[in-house]
Amino acid sequence: ACGRRRVRLEPFDCVVIHPGATHRLGAAR
C-alpha cells in the first residue's frame, strides 16, 4: 500500500516506492 493505492503481491511481482511516499507491506492472512 502506498498512499490510498493498494496492490496484491504474488511471487515475482515487483513494487517501486518513491521517496516521500508513505507505505506499508503485508502478508495475506
PDB file of all heavy atoms in Angstrom:
ATOM      1  N   ALA A   1       0.858  -1.188   0.000  1.00  0.00           N
ATOM      2  CA  ALA A   1       0.000   0.000   0.000  1.00  0.00           C
ATOM      3  C   ALA A   1       0.890   1.232   0.000  1.00  0.00           C
ATOM      4  O   ALA A   1       1.877   1.302   0.733  1.00  0.00           O
ATOM      5  CB  ALA A   1      -0.917   0.009   1.212  1.00  0.00           C
ATOM      6  N   CYS A   2       0.514   2.184  -0.842  1.00  0.00           N
ATOM      7  CA  CYS A   2       1.246   3.440  -0.949  1.00  0.00           C
ATOM      8  C   CYS A   2       0.198   4.531  -1.094  1.00  0.00           C
ATOM      9  O   CYS A   2      -0.541   4.543  -2.093  1.00  0.00           O
ATOM     10  CB  CYS A   2       2.175   3.387  -2.147  1.00  0.00           C
ATOM     11  SG  CYS A   2       3.249   4.816  -2.292  1.00  0.00           S
ATOM     12  N   GLY A   3       0.112   5.384  -0.087  1.00  0.00           N
ATOM     13  CA  GLY A   3      -0.957   6.376  -0.093  1.00  0.00           C
ATOM     14  C   GLY A   3      -2.294   5.668  -0.035  1.00  0.00           C
ATOM     15  O   GLY A   3      -2.500   4.794   0.790  1.00  0.00           O
ATOM     16  N   ARG A   4      -3.191   5.986  -0.959  1.00  0.00           N
ATOM     17  CA  ARG A   4      -4.510   5.347  -0.993  1.00  0.00           C
ATOM     18  C   ARG A   4      -4.549   4.109  -1.888  1.00  0.00           C
ATOM     19  O   ARG A   4      -5.568   3.442  -1.975  1.00  0.00           O
ATOM     20  CB  ARG A   4      -5.549   6.346  -1.485  1.00  0.00           C
ATOM     21  CG  ARG A   4      -5.743   7.491  -0.533  1.00  0.00           C
ATOM     22  CD  ARG A   4      -6.796   8.416  -1.039  1.00  0.00           C
ATOM     23  NE  ARG A   4      -6.895   9.569  -0.157  1.00  0.00           N
ATOM     24  CZ  ARG A   4      -7.738  10.533  -0.337  1.00  0.00           C
ATOM     25  NH1 ARG A   4      -8.553  10.518  -1.363  1.00  0.00           N
ATOM     26  NH2 ARG A   4      -7.772  11.545   0.505  1.00  0.00           N
ATOM     27  N   ARG A   5      -3.457   3.831  -2.574  1.00  0.00           N
ATOM     28  CA  ARG A   5      -3.431   2.704  -3.507  1.00  0.00           C
ATOM     29  C   ARG A   5      -2.900   1.451  -2.822  1.00  0.00           C
ATOM     30  O   ARG A   5      -1.894   1.493  -2.106  1.00  0.00           O
ATOM     31  CB  ARG A   5      -2.549   3.056  -4.696  1.00  0.00           C
ATOM     32  CG  ARG A   5      -2.563   1.997  -5.752  1.00  0.00           C
ATOM     33  CD  ARG A   5      -1.933   2.467  -7.022  1.00  0.00           C
ATOM     34  NE  ARG A   5      -2.020   1.412  -8.016  1.00  0.00           N
ATOM     35  CZ  ARG A   5      -1.113   1.184  -8.931  1.00  0.00           C
ATOM     36  NH1 ARG A   5      -0.052   1.968  -9.005  1.00  0.00           N
ATOM     37  NH2 ARG A   5      -1.249   0.206  -9.775  1.00  0.00           N
ATOM     38  N   ARG A   6      -3.558   0.336  -3.072  1.00  0.00           N
ATOM     39  CA  ARG A   6      -3.137  -0.954  -2.514  1.00  0.00           C
ATOM     40  C   ARG A   6      -3.165  -1.983  -3.643  1.00  0.00           C
ATOM     41  O   ARG A   6      -4.149  -2.076  -4.374  1.00  0.00           O
ATOM     42  CB  ARG A   6      -4.072  -1.373  -1.386  1.00  0.00           C
ATOM     43  CG  ARG A   6      -3.666  -2.664  -0.721  1.00  0.00           C
ATOM     44  CD  ARG A   6      -4.500  -2.858   0.528  1.00  0.00           C
ATOM     45  NE  ARG A   6      -4.472  -4.229   0.959  1.00  0.00           N
ATOM     46  CZ  ARG A   6      -4.615  -4.625   2.201  1.00  0.00           C
ATOM     47  NH1 ARG A   6      -4.842  -3.729   3.150  1.00  0.00           N
ATOM     48  NH2 ARG A   6      -4.597  -5.888   2.518  1.00  0.00           N
ATOM     49  N   VAL A   7      -2.065  -2.734  -3.782  1.00  0.00           N
ATOM     50  CA  VAL A   7      -1.972  -3.755  -4.828  1.00  0.00           C
ATOM     51  C   VAL A   7      -1.635  -5.105  -4.209  1.00  0.00           C
ATOM     52  O   VAL A   7      -0.967  -5.179  -3.172  1.00  0.00           O
ATOM     53  CB  VAL A   7      -0.921  -3.380  -5.903  1.00  0.00           C
ATOM     54  CG1 VAL A   7      -1.314  -2.108  -6.635  1.00  0.00           C
ATOM     55  CG2 VAL A   7       0.471  -3.234  -5.294  1.00  0.00           C
ATOM     56  N   ARG A   8      -2.104  -6.147  -4.852  1.00  0.00           N
ATOM     57  CA  ARG A   8      -1.787  -7.509  -4.421  1.00  0.00           C
ATOM     58  C   ARG A   8      -0.390  -7.883  -4.888  1.00  0.00           C
ATOM     59  O   ARG A   8       0.066  -7.428  -5.943  1.00  0.00           O
ATOM     60  CB  ARG A   8      -2.805  -8.487  -5.003  1.00  0.00           C
ATOM     61  CG  ARG A   8      -4.163  -8.337  -4.384  1.00  0.00           C
ATOM     62  CD  ARG A   8      -5.189  -9.258  -4.978  1.00  0.00           C
ATOM     63  NE  ARG A   8      -4.644 -10.592  -5.206  1.00  0.00           N
ATOM     64  CZ  ARG A   8      -5.298 -11.555  -5.812  1.00  0.00           C
ATOM     65  NH1 ARG A   8      -6.513 -11.354  -6.260  1.00  0.00           N
ATOM     66  NH2 ARG A   8      -4.753 -12.737  -5.991  1.00  0.00           N
ATOM     67  N   LEU A   9       0.269  -8.721  -4.108  1.00  0.00           N
ATOM     68  CA  LEU A   9       1.595  -9.222  -4.477  1.00  0.00           C
ATOM     69  C   LEU A   9       1.589 -10.742  -4.507  1.00  0.00           C
ATOM     70  O   LEU A   9       1.079 -11.383  -3.583  1.00  0.00           O
ATOM     71  CB  LEU A   9       2.652  -8.758  -3.468  1.00  0.00           C
ATOM     72  CG  LEU A   9       2.939  -7.266  -3.402  1.00  0.00           C
ATOM     73  CD1 LEU A   9       3.946  -6.978  -2.299  1.00  0.00           C
ATOM     74  CD2 LEU A   9       3.436  -6.759  -4.732  1.00  0.00           C
ATOM     75  N   GLU A  10       2.154 -11.282  -5.562  1.00  0.00           N
ATOM     76  CA  GLU A  10       2.364 -12.709  -5.722  1.00  0.00           C
ATOM     77  C   GLU A  10       3.816 -12.895  -6.138  1.00  0.00           C
ATOM     78  O   GLU A  10       4.494 -11.925  -6.486  1.00  0.00           O
ATOM     79  CB  GLU A  10       1.408 -13.257  -6.777  1.00  0.00           C
ATOM     80  CG  GLU A  10      -0.051 -13.123  -6.358  1.00  0.00           C
ATOM     81  CD  GLU A  10      -1.014 -13.605  -7.426  1.00  0.00           C
ATOM     82  OE1 GLU A  10      -0.569 -13.958  -8.537  1.00  0.00           O
ATOM     83  OE2 GLU A  10      -2.222 -13.626  -7.139  1.00  0.00           O
ATOM     84  N   PRO A  11       4.320 -14.141  -6.124  1.00  0.00           N
ATOM     85  CA  PRO A  11       5.732 -14.344  -6.461  1.00  0.00           C
ATOM     86  C   PRO A  11       6.145 -13.671  -7.771  1.00  0.00           C
ATOM     87  O   PRO A  11       5.450 -13.753  -8.781  1.00  0.00           O
ATOM     88  CB  PRO A  11       5.847 -15.871  -6.548  1.00  0.00           C
ATOM     89  CG  PRO A  11       4.839 -16.338  -5.540  1.00  0.00           C
ATOM     90  CD  PRO A  11       3.673 -15.390  -5.721  1.00  0.00           C
ATOM     91  N   PHE A  12       7.239 -12.956  -7.674  1.00  0.00           N
ATOM     92  CA  PHE A  12       7.918 -12.243  -8.751  1.00  0.00           C
ATOM     93  C   PHE A  12       7.211 -10.966  -9.185  1.00  0.00           C
ATOM     94  O   PHE A  12       7.592 -10.364 -10.188  1.00  0.00           O
ATOM     95  CB  PHE A  12       8.253 -13.183  -9.924  1.00  0.00           C
ATOM     96  CG  PHE A  12       9.122 -14.313  -9.455  1.00  0.00           C
ATOM     97  CD1 PHE A  12       8.586 -15.573  -9.240  1.00  0.00           C
ATOM     98  CD2 PHE A  12      10.453 -14.087  -9.150  1.00  0.00           C
ATOM     99  CE1 PHE A  12       9.385 -16.600  -8.744  1.00  0.00           C
ATOM    100  CE2 PHE A  12      11.250 -15.112  -8.661  1.00  0.00           C
ATOM    101  CZ  PHE A  12      10.711 -16.370  -8.453  1.00  0.00           C
ATOM    102  N   ASP A  13       6.228 -10.517  -8.412  1.00  0.00           N
ATOM    103  CA  ASP A  13       5.699  -9.171  -8.595  1.00  0.00           C
ATOM    104  C   ASP A  13       6.710  -8.205  -7.982  1.00  0.00           C
ATOM    105  O   ASP A  13       7.350  -8.508  -6.961  1.00  0.00           O
ATOM    106  CB  ASP A  13       4.351  -8.989  -7.883  1.00  0.00           C
ATOM    107  CG  ASP A  13       3.214  -9.693  -8.590  1.00  0.00           C
ATOM    108  OD1 ASP A  13       3.389 -10.153  -9.735  1.00  0.00           O
ATOM    109  OD2 ASP A  13       2.134  -9.797  -7.970  1.00  0.00           O
ATOM    110  N   CYS A  14       6.837  -7.049  -8.582  1.00  0.00           N
ATOM    111  CA  CYS A  14       7.801  -6.042  -8.153  1.00  0.00           C
ATOM    112  C   CYS A  14       7.070  -4.726  -7.901  1.00  0.00           C
ATOM    113  O   CYS A  14       6.195  -4.347  -8.683  1.00  0.00           O
ATOM    114  CB  CYS A  14       8.854  -5.872  -9.245  1.00  0.00           C
ATOM    115  SG  CYS A  14      10.121  -4.658  -8.877  1.00  0.00           S
ATOM    116  N   VAL A  15       7.424  -4.049  -6.820  1.00  0.00           N
ATOM    117  CA  VAL A  15       6.816  -2.767  -6.463  1.00  0.00           C
ATOM    118  C   VAL A  15       7.929  -1.762  -6.199  1.00  0.00           C
ATOM    119  O   VAL A  15       8.905  -2.075  -5.510  1.00  0.00           O
ATOM    120  CB  VAL A  15       5.942  -2.897  -5.200  1.00  0.00           C
ATOM    121  CG1 VAL A  15       5.417  -1.557  -4.758  1.00  0.00           C
ATOM    122  CG2 VAL A  15       4.803  -3.861  -5.430  1.00  0.00           C
ATOM    123  N   VAL A  16       7.776  -0.569  -6.737  1.00  0.00           N
ATOM    124  CA  VAL A  16       8.727   0.520  -6.505  1.00  0.00           C
ATOM    125  C   VAL A  16       8.032   1.577  -5.658  1.00  0.00           C
ATOM    126  O   VAL A  16       6.936   2.028  -5.996  1.00  0.00           O
ATOM    127  CB  VAL A  16       9.202   1.149  -7.832  1.00  0.00           C
ATOM    128  CG1 VAL A  16      10.127   2.335  -7.567  1.00  0.00           C
ATOM    129  CG2 VAL A  16       9.882   0.102  -8.704  1.00  0.00           C
ATOM    130  N   ILE A  17       8.675   1.975  -4.552  1.00  0.00           N
ATOM    131  CA  ILE A  17       8.161   3.022  -3.671  1.00  0.00           C
ATOM    132  C   ILE A  17       9.107   4.207  -3.772  1.00  0.00           C
ATOM    133  O   ILE A  17      10.298   4.100  -3.477  1.00  0.00           O
ATOM    134  CB  ILE A  17       8.079   2.544  -2.198  1.00  0.00           C
ATOM    135  CG1 ILE A  17       7.307   1.224  -2.080  1.00  0.00           C
ATOM    136  CG2 ILE A  17       7.502   3.639  -1.324  1.00  0.00           C
ATOM    137  CD1 ILE A  17       5.843   1.298  -2.429  1.00  0.00           C
ATOM    138  N   HIS A  18       8.578   5.339  -4.194  1.00  0.00           N
ATOM    139  CA  HIS A  18       9.397   6.527  -4.400  1.00  0.00           C
ATOM    140  C   HIS A  18       9.609   7.298  -3.087  1.00  0.00           C
ATOM    141  O   HIS A  18       8.806   7.177  -2.156  1.00  0.00           O
ATOM    142  CB  HIS A  18       8.758   7.416  -5.463  1.00  0.00           C
ATOM    143  CG  HIS A  18       8.711   6.750  -6.797  1.00  0.00           C
ATOM    144  ND1 HIS A  18       9.830   6.588  -7.578  1.00  0.00           N
ATOM    145  CD2 HIS A  18       7.691   6.170  -7.472  1.00  0.00           C
ATOM    146  CE1 HIS A  18       9.506   5.945  -8.679  1.00  0.00           C
ATOM    147  NE2 HIS A  18       8.210   5.680  -8.643  1.00  0.00           N
ATOM    148  N   PRO A  19      10.670   8.091  -3.008  1.00  0.00           N
ATOM    149  CA  PRO A  19      10.958   8.860  -1.793  1.00  0.00           C
ATOM    150  C   PRO A  19       9.771   9.724  -1.389  1.00  0.00           C
ATOM    151  O   PRO A  19       9.079  10.293  -2.245  1.00  0.00           O
ATOM    152  CB  PRO A  19      12.148   9.735  -2.194  1.00  0.00           C
ATOM    153  CG  PRO A  19      12.758   9.059  -3.355  1.00  0.00           C
ATOM    154  CD  PRO A  19      11.637   8.362  -4.069  1.00  0.00           C
ATOM    155  N   GLY A  20       9.543   9.799  -0.093  1.00  0.00           N
ATOM    156  CA  GLY A  20       8.481  10.634   0.441  1.00  0.00           C
ATOM    157  C   GLY A  20       7.110   9.990   0.454  1.00  0.00           C
ATOM    158  O   GLY A  20       6.158  10.579   0.965  1.00  0.00           O
ATOM    159  N   ALA A  21       6.981   8.775  -0.090  1.00  0.00           N
ATOM    160  CA  ALA A  21       5.678   8.091  -0.136  1.00  0.00           C
ATOM    161  C   ALA A  21       5.495   7.224   1.103  1.00  0.00           C
ATOM    162  O   ALA A  21       6.323   6.353   1.392  1.00  0.00           O
ATOM    163  CB  ALA A  21       5.579   7.237  -1.387  1.00  0.00           C
ATOM    164  N   THR A  22       4.430   7.461   1.828  1.00  0.00           N
ATOM    165  CA  THR A  22       4.114   6.623   2.981  1.00  0.00           C
ATOM    166  C   THR A  22       3.645   5.271   2.466  1.00  0.00           C
ATOM    167  O   THR A  22       2.787   5.197   1.586  1.00  0.00           O
ATOM    168  CB  THR A  22       3.020   7.282   3.839  1.00  0.00           C
ATOM    169  OG1 THR A  22       3.497   8.560   4.277  1.00  0.00           O
ATOM    170  CG2 THR A  22       2.682   6.426   5.043  1.00  0.00           C
ATOM    171  N   HIS A  23       4.223   4.191   3.014  1.00  0.00           N
ATOM    172  CA  HIS A  23       3.915   2.858   2.509  1.00  0.00           C
ATOM    173  C   HIS A  23       3.904   1.804   3.604  1.00  0.00           C
ATOM    174  O   HIS A  23       4.458   2.005   4.673  1.00  0.00           O
ATOM    175  CB  HIS A  23       4.895   2.464   1.399  1.00  0.00           C
ATOM    176  CG  HIS A  23       6.326   2.463   1.846  1.00  0.00           C
ATOM    177  ND1 HIS A  23       7.056   3.618   2.012  1.00  0.00           N
ATOM    178  CD2 HIS A  23       7.160   1.449   2.158  1.00  0.00           C
ATOM    179  CE1 HIS A  23       8.278   3.316   2.397  1.00  0.00           C
ATOM    180  NE2 HIS A  23       8.365   1.987   2.495  1.00  0.00           N
ATOM    181  N   ARG A  24       3.235   0.693   3.283  1.00  0.00           N
ATOM    182  CA  ARG A  24       3.170  -0.496   4.136  1.00  0.00           C
ATOM    183  C   ARG A  24       3.180  -1.714   3.238  1.00  0.00           C
ATOM    184  O   ARG A  24       2.741  -1.648   2.098  1.00  0.00           O
ATOM    185  CB  ARG A  24       1.867  -0.541   4.936  1.00  0.00           C
ATOM    186  CG  ARG A  24       1.670   0.576   5.910  1.00  0.00           C
ATOM    187  CD  ARG A  24       0.332   0.457   6.609  1.00  0.00           C
ATOM    188  NE  ARG A  24       0.329  -0.773   7.393  1.00  0.00           N
ATOM    189  CZ  ARG A  24      -0.775  -1.356   7.859  1.00  0.00           C
ATOM    190  NH1 ARG A  24      -1.962  -0.860   7.608  1.00  0.00           N
ATOM    191  NH2 ARG A  24      -0.702  -2.453   8.582  1.00  0.00           N
ATOM    192  N   LEU A  25       3.636  -2.822   3.784  1.00  0.00           N
ATOM    193  CA  LEU A  25       3.555  -4.104   3.093  1.00  0.00           C
ATOM    194  C   LEU A  25       3.016  -5.126   4.071  1.00  0.00           C
ATOM    195  O   LEU A  25       3.263  -5.029   5.281  1.00  0.00           O
ATOM    196  CB  LEU A  25       4.925  -4.551   2.586  1.00  0.00           C
ATOM    197  CG  LEU A  25       5.447  -3.715   1.428  1.00  0.00           C
ATOM    198  CD1 LEU A  25       6.439  -2.705   1.920  1.00  0.00           C
ATOM    199  CD2 LEU A  25       6.017  -4.589   0.358  1.00  0.00           C
ATOM    200  N   GLY A  26       2.269  -6.097   3.548  1.00  0.00           N
ATOM    201  CA  GLY A  26       1.696  -7.093   4.435  1.00  0.00           C
ATOM    202  C   GLY A  26       1.522  -8.437   3.755  1.00  0.00           C
ATOM    203  O   GLY A  26       1.454  -8.537   2.533  1.00  0.00           O
ATOM    204  N   ALA A  27       1.454  -9.474   4.579  1.00  0.00           N
ATOM    205  CA  ALA A  27       1.213 -10.832   4.107  1.00  0.00           C
ATOM    206  C   ALA A  27      -0.288 -11.103   4.146  1.00  0.00           C
ATOM    207  O   ALA A  27      -1.013 -10.562   4.986  1.00  0.00           O
ATOM    208  CB  ALA A  27       1.950 -11.829   4.993  1.00  0.00           C
ATOM    209  N   ALA A  28      -0.737 -11.962   3.249  1.00  0.00           N
ATOM    210  CA  ALA A  28      -2.128 -12.403   3.269  1.00  0.00           C
ATOM    211  C   ALA A  28      -2.398 -13.128   4.592  1.00  0.00           C
ATOM    212  O   ALA A  28      -1.464 -13.618   5.239  1.00  0.00           O
ATOM    213  CB  ALA A  28      -2.396 -13.330   2.090  1.00  0.00           C
ATOM    214  N   ARG A  29      -3.646 -13.196   4.987  1.00  0.00           N
ATOM    215  CA  ARG A  29      -3.982 -13.851   6.266  1.00  0.00           C
ATOM    216  C   ARG A  29      -3.577 -15.317   6.311  1.00  0.00           C
ATOM    217  O   ARG A  29      -3.279 -15.849   7.365  1.00  0.00           O
ATOM    218  CB  ARG A  29      -5.477 -13.724   6.531  1.00  0.00           C
ATOM    219  CG  ARG A  29      -5.882 -12.337   6.891  1.00  0.00           C
ATOM    220  CD  ARG A  29      -7.316 -12.306   7.373  1.00  0.00           C
ATOM    221  NE  ARG A  29      -7.655 -10.950   7.747  1.00  0.00           N
ATOM    222  CZ  ARG A  29      -8.702 -10.305   7.300  1.00  0.00           C
ATOM    223  NH1 ARG A  29      -9.539 -10.896   6.468  1.00  0.00           N
ATOM    224  NH2 ARG A  29      -8.939  -9.076   7.687  1.00  0.00           N
TER     225      ARG A  29
END
